[in-house]
């Protein structure tokens, strides 16, 4: 929880509008369904469950997301997510912020327009960050 709060605070300091952290998977899915998000940071596990249903909701909505996790989850991800960013815990916060900003730019947005609907954090692979 402390790491999620630290990431949320750092994203806000960088100009993002943060929704969360949300620690319940069902609540996170409901939030994504009613709150427009430009990018998301999520943990692979929430409330003792994997967050694949949340990622599917984000994917269907075209919302880019980062998976921030202590698990080696890449092989458990659906095939259409194999290019998604996976950031191992603990995250390097400045790199995480740059990654969220890059996701936002990919959608033609500025960092200060990003809503990080988040049950946590994300990146591509441990390589290069």
C-alpha atoms as a PDB file:
ATOM      1  CA  UNK A   1       0.000   0.000   0.000  1.00  0.00           C
ATOM      2  CA  UNK A   2       2.805   2.439   0.857  1.00  0.00           C
ATOM      3  CA  UNK A   3       4.429   1.910  -2.528  1.00  0.00           C
ATOM      4  CA  UNK A   4       1.093   2.558  -4.297  1.00  0.00           C
ATOM      5  CA  UNK A   5       0.652   5.785  -2.333  1.00  0.00           C
ATOM      6  CA  UNK A   6       4.212   6.851  -3.172  1.00  0.00           C
ATOM      7  CA  UNK A   7       3.618   6.202  -6.884  1.00  0.00           C
ATOM      8  CA  UNK A   8       0.286   8.070  -6.801  1.00  0.00           C
ATOM      9  CA  UNK A   9       1.892  11.037  -5.058  1.00  0.00           C
ATOM     10  CA  UNK A  10       4.793  11.104  -7.528  1.00  0.00           C
ATOM     11  CA  UNK A  11       2.426  10.990 -10.510  1.00  0.00           C
ATOM     12  CA  UNK A  12       0.389  13.845  -9.017  1.00  0.00           C
ATOM     13  CA  UNK A  13       3.584  15.838  -8.439  1.00  0.00           C
ATOM     14  CA  UNK A  14       4.367  15.315 -12.135  1.00  0.00           C
ATOM     15  CA  UNK A  15       0.963  16.739 -13.070  1.00  0.00           C
ATOM     16  CA  UNK A  16      -1.162  13.615 -13.490  1.00  0.00           C
ATOM     17  CA  UNK A  17      -4.732  13.392 -12.263  1.00  0.00           C
ATOM     18  CA  UNK A  18      -4.689  10.190 -10.209  1.00  0.00           C
ATOM     19  CA  UNK A  19      -7.691   8.040  -9.328  1.00  0.00           C
ATOM     20  CA  UNK A  20      -6.595   5.645  -6.621  1.00  0.00           C
ATOM     21  CA  UNK A  21      -4.863   3.694  -5.402  1.00  0.00           C
ATOM     22  CA  UNK A  22      -7.753   1.245  -5.465  1.00  0.00           C
ATOM     23  CA  UNK A  23      -7.109  -1.948  -3.534  1.00  0.00           C
ATOM     24  CA  UNK A  24     -10.204  -3.947  -4.494  1.00  0.00           C
ATOM     25  CA  UNK A  25     -10.385  -5.534  -7.951  1.00  0.00           C
ATOM     26  CA  UNK A  26     -14.160  -5.195  -8.356  1.00  0.00           C
ATOM     27  CA  UNK A  27     -14.019  -1.541  -7.314  1.00  0.00           C
ATOM     28  CA  UNK A  28     -11.174  -0.931  -9.761  1.00  0.00           C
ATOM     29  CA  UNK A  29     -13.197  -2.422 -12.627  1.00  0.00           C
ATOM     30  CA  UNK A  30     -16.250  -0.320 -11.690  1.00  0.00           C
ATOM     31  CA  UNK A  31     -14.060   2.783 -11.526  1.00  0.00           C
ATOM     32  CA  UNK A  32     -12.614   2.150 -14.985  1.00  0.00           C
ATOM     33  CA  UNK A  33     -16.138   1.656 -16.340  1.00  0.00           C
ATOM     34  CA  UNK A  34     -17.325   5.077 -15.115  1.00  0.00           C
ATOM     35  CA  UNK A  35     -14.122   7.173 -15.041  1.00  0.00           C
ATOM     36  CA  UNK A  36     -12.410   8.143 -18.301  1.00  0.00           C
ATOM     37  CA  UNK A  37      -8.762   7.104 -18.019  1.00  0.00           C
ATOM     38  CA  UNK A  38      -5.929   8.039 -20.355  1.00  0.00           C
ATOM     39  CA  UNK A  39      -3.445   5.570 -18.862  1.00  0.00           C
ATOM     40  CA  UNK A  40      -3.392   3.140 -15.968  1.00  0.00           C
ATOM     41  CA  UNK A  41      -0.885   1.614 -13.612  1.00  0.00           C
ATOM     42  CA  UNK A  42      -1.943  -1.667 -12.059  1.00  0.00           C
ATOM     43  CA  UNK A  43      -0.501  -4.376  -9.930  1.00  0.00           C
ATOM     44  CA  UNK A  44      -0.811  -7.898 -11.299  1.00  0.00           C
ATOM     45  CA  UNK A  45      -2.387  -8.983  -7.994  1.00  0.00           C
ATOM     46  CA  UNK A  46      -5.137  -7.142  -6.146  1.00  0.00           C
ATOM     47  CA  UNK A  47      -7.230  -8.477  -3.341  1.00  0.00           C
ATOM     48  CA  UNK A  48      -5.485 -11.879  -3.732  1.00  0.00           C
ATOM     49  CA  UNK A  49      -6.648 -12.147  -7.355  1.00  0.00           C
ATOM     50  CA  UNK A  50      -4.869 -11.418 -10.614  1.00  0.00           C
ATOM     51  CA  UNK A  51      -5.907  -8.250 -12.408  1.00  0.00           C
ATOM     52  CA  UNK A  52      -6.445  -9.799 -15.839  1.00  0.00           C
ATOM     53  CA  UNK A  53     -10.177  -8.841 -15.750  1.00  0.00           C
ATOM     54  CA  UNK A  54      -9.177  -5.218 -15.057  1.00  0.00           C
ATOM     55  CA  UNK A  55      -6.602  -5.299 -17.835  1.00  0.00           C
ATOM     56  CA  UNK A  56      -9.219  -6.716 -20.206  1.00  0.00           C
ATOM     57  CA  UNK A  57     -11.562  -3.838 -19.338  1.00  0.00           C
ATOM     58  CA  UNK A  58      -8.785  -1.311 -19.978  1.00  0.00           C
ATOM     59  CA  UNK A  59      -7.767  -3.063 -23.202  1.00  0.00           C
ATOM     60  CA  UNK A  60     -11.364  -3.048 -24.509  1.00  0.00           C
ATOM     61  CA  UNK A  61     -11.555   0.684 -23.810  1.00  0.00           C
ATOM     62  CA  UNK A  62      -8.260   1.338 -25.606  1.00  0.00           C
ATOM     63  CA  UNK A  63      -6.625   2.548 -22.391  1.00  0.00           C
ATOM     64  CA  UNK A  64      -2.878   1.854 -22.275  1.00  0.00           C
ATOM     65  CA  UNK A  65      -1.634   0.409 -19.018  1.00  0.00           C
ATOM     66  CA  UNK A  66       1.486  -0.618 -17.182  1.00  0.00           C
ATOM     67  CA  UNK A  67       1.686  -3.677 -14.953  1.00  0.00           C
ATOM     68  CA  UNK A  68       3.705  -3.065 -11.798  1.00  0.00           C
ATOM     69  CA  UNK A  69       4.376  -6.373 -10.112  1.00  0.00           C
ATOM     70  CA  UNK A  70       6.606  -8.481  -7.956  1.00  0.00           C
ATOM     71  CA  UNK A  71       5.547 -11.560  -9.958  1.00  0.00           C
ATOM     72  CA  UNK A  72       7.024 -12.980 -13.133  1.00  0.00           C
ATOM     73  CA  UNK A  73       3.619 -12.741 -14.789  1.00  0.00           C
ATOM     74  CA  UNK A  74       4.535 -12.254 -18.451  1.00  0.00           C
ATOM     75  CA  UNK A  75       3.613 -15.834 -19.410  1.00  0.00           C
ATOM     76  CA  UNK A  76       0.245 -15.556 -17.639  1.00  0.00           C
ATOM     77  CA  UNK A  77      -0.800 -12.525 -19.677  1.00  0.00           C
ATOM     78  CA  UNK A  78      -3.273 -12.878 -22.557  1.00  0.00           C
ATOM     79  CA  UNK A  79      -1.549 -13.006 -25.959  1.00  0.00           C
ATOM     80  CA  UNK A  80      -2.789  -9.526 -26.954  1.00  0.00           C
ATOM     81  CA  UNK A  81      -0.923  -8.038 -23.964  1.00  0.00           C
ATOM     82  CA  UNK A  82       2.521  -9.462 -24.711  1.00  0.00           C
ATOM     83  CA  UNK A  83       3.686  -6.009 -25.807  1.00  0.00           C
ATOM     84  CA  UNK A  84       2.451  -4.280 -22.653  1.00  0.00           C
ATOM     85  CA  UNK A  85       4.841  -2.691 -20.221  1.00  0.00           C
ATOM     86  CA  UNK A  86       5.721  -4.725 -17.129  1.00  0.00           C
ATOM     87  CA  UNK A  87       7.645  -2.939 -14.381  1.00  0.00           C
ATOM     88  CA  UNK A  88       9.145  -5.088 -11.640  1.00  0.00           C
ATOM     89  CA  UNK A  89       8.768  -4.019  -8.022  1.00  0.00           C
ATOM     90  CA  UNK A  90      10.144  -1.906  -6.598  1.00  0.00           C
ATOM     91  CA  UNK A  91       9.733   0.591  -9.405  1.00  0.00           C
ATOM     92  CA  UNK A  92      12.159   3.329 -10.229  1.00  0.00           C
ATOM     93  CA  UNK A  93       9.631   6.167  -9.785  1.00  0.00           C
ATOM     94  CA  UNK A  94      11.174   8.629 -12.298  1.00  0.00           C
ATOM     95  CA  UNK A  95      11.265   5.866 -14.946  1.00  0.00           C
ATOM     96  CA  UNK A  96       7.669   4.936 -14.146  1.00  0.00           C
ATOM     97  CA  UNK A  97       6.559   8.549 -14.577  1.00  0.00           C
ATOM     98  CA  UNK A  98       8.397   8.767 -17.916  1.00  0.00           C
ATOM     99  CA  UNK A  99       6.679   5.559 -19.033  1.00  0.00           C
ATOM    100  CA  UNK A 100       3.211   6.824 -18.089  1.00  0.00           C
ATOM    101  CA  UNK A 101       3.989  10.073 -19.934  1.00  0.00           C
ATOM    102  CA  UNK A 102       5.095   8.083 -23.002  1.00  0.00           C
ATOM    103  CA  UNK A 103       1.846   6.109 -22.925  1.00  0.00           C
ATOM    104  CA  UNK A 104      -0.085   9.361 -22.720  1.00  0.00           C
ATOM    105  CA  UNK A 105       1.885  10.870 -25.612  1.00  0.00           C
ATOM    106  CA  UNK A 106       1.109   7.769 -27.638  1.00  0.00           C
ATOM    107  CA  UNK A 107      -2.532   8.793 -27.373  1.00  0.00           C
ATOM    108  CA  UNK A 108      -1.720  12.395 -28.297  1.00  0.00           C
ATOM    109  CA  UNK A 109      -2.036  13.635 -24.712  1.00  0.00           C
ATOM    110  CA  UNK A 110       0.152  15.642 -22.398  1.00  0.00           C
ATOM    111  CA  UNK A 111       1.206  14.321 -19.002  1.00  0.00           C
ATOM    112  CA  UNK A 112      -1.024  16.819 -17.207  1.00  0.00           C
ATOM    113  CA  UNK A 113      -4.031  15.233 -18.949  1.00  0.00           C
ATOM    114  CA  UNK A 114      -3.236  11.705 -17.757  1.00  0.00           C
ATOM    115  CA  UNK A 115      -5.639  10.035 -15.346  1.00  0.00           C
ATOM    116  CA  UNK A 116      -3.765   7.148 -13.788  1.00  0.00           C
ATOM    117  CA  UNK A 117      -6.690   4.955 -12.774  1.00  0.00           C
ATOM    118  CA  UNK A 118      -4.763   2.781 -10.725  1.00  0.00           C
ATOM    119  CA  UNK A 119      -4.627  -0.133  -8.702  1.00  0.00           C
ATOM    120  CA  UNK A 120      -0.868   0.382  -9.245  1.00  0.00           C
ATOM    121  CA  UNK A 121       2.018   0.649 -11.847  1.00  0.00           C
ATOM    122  CA  UNK A 122       3.463  -0.401 -15.337  1.00  0.00           C
ATOM    123  CA  UNK A 123       6.384  -0.617 -17.948  1.00  0.00           C
ATOM    124  CA  UNK A 124       7.580  -2.728 -20.882  1.00  0.00           C
ATOM    125  CA  UNK A 125      10.276  -5.091 -19.660  1.00  0.00           C
ATOM    126  CA  UNK A 126      13.103  -4.990 -17.193  1.00  0.00           C
ATOM    127  CA  UNK A 127      15.356  -4.366 -20.178  1.00  0.00           C
ATOM    128  CA  UNK A 128      16.306  -0.717 -20.646  1.00  0.00           C
ATOM    129  CA  UNK A 129      14.777   0.681 -17.476  1.00  0.00           C
END
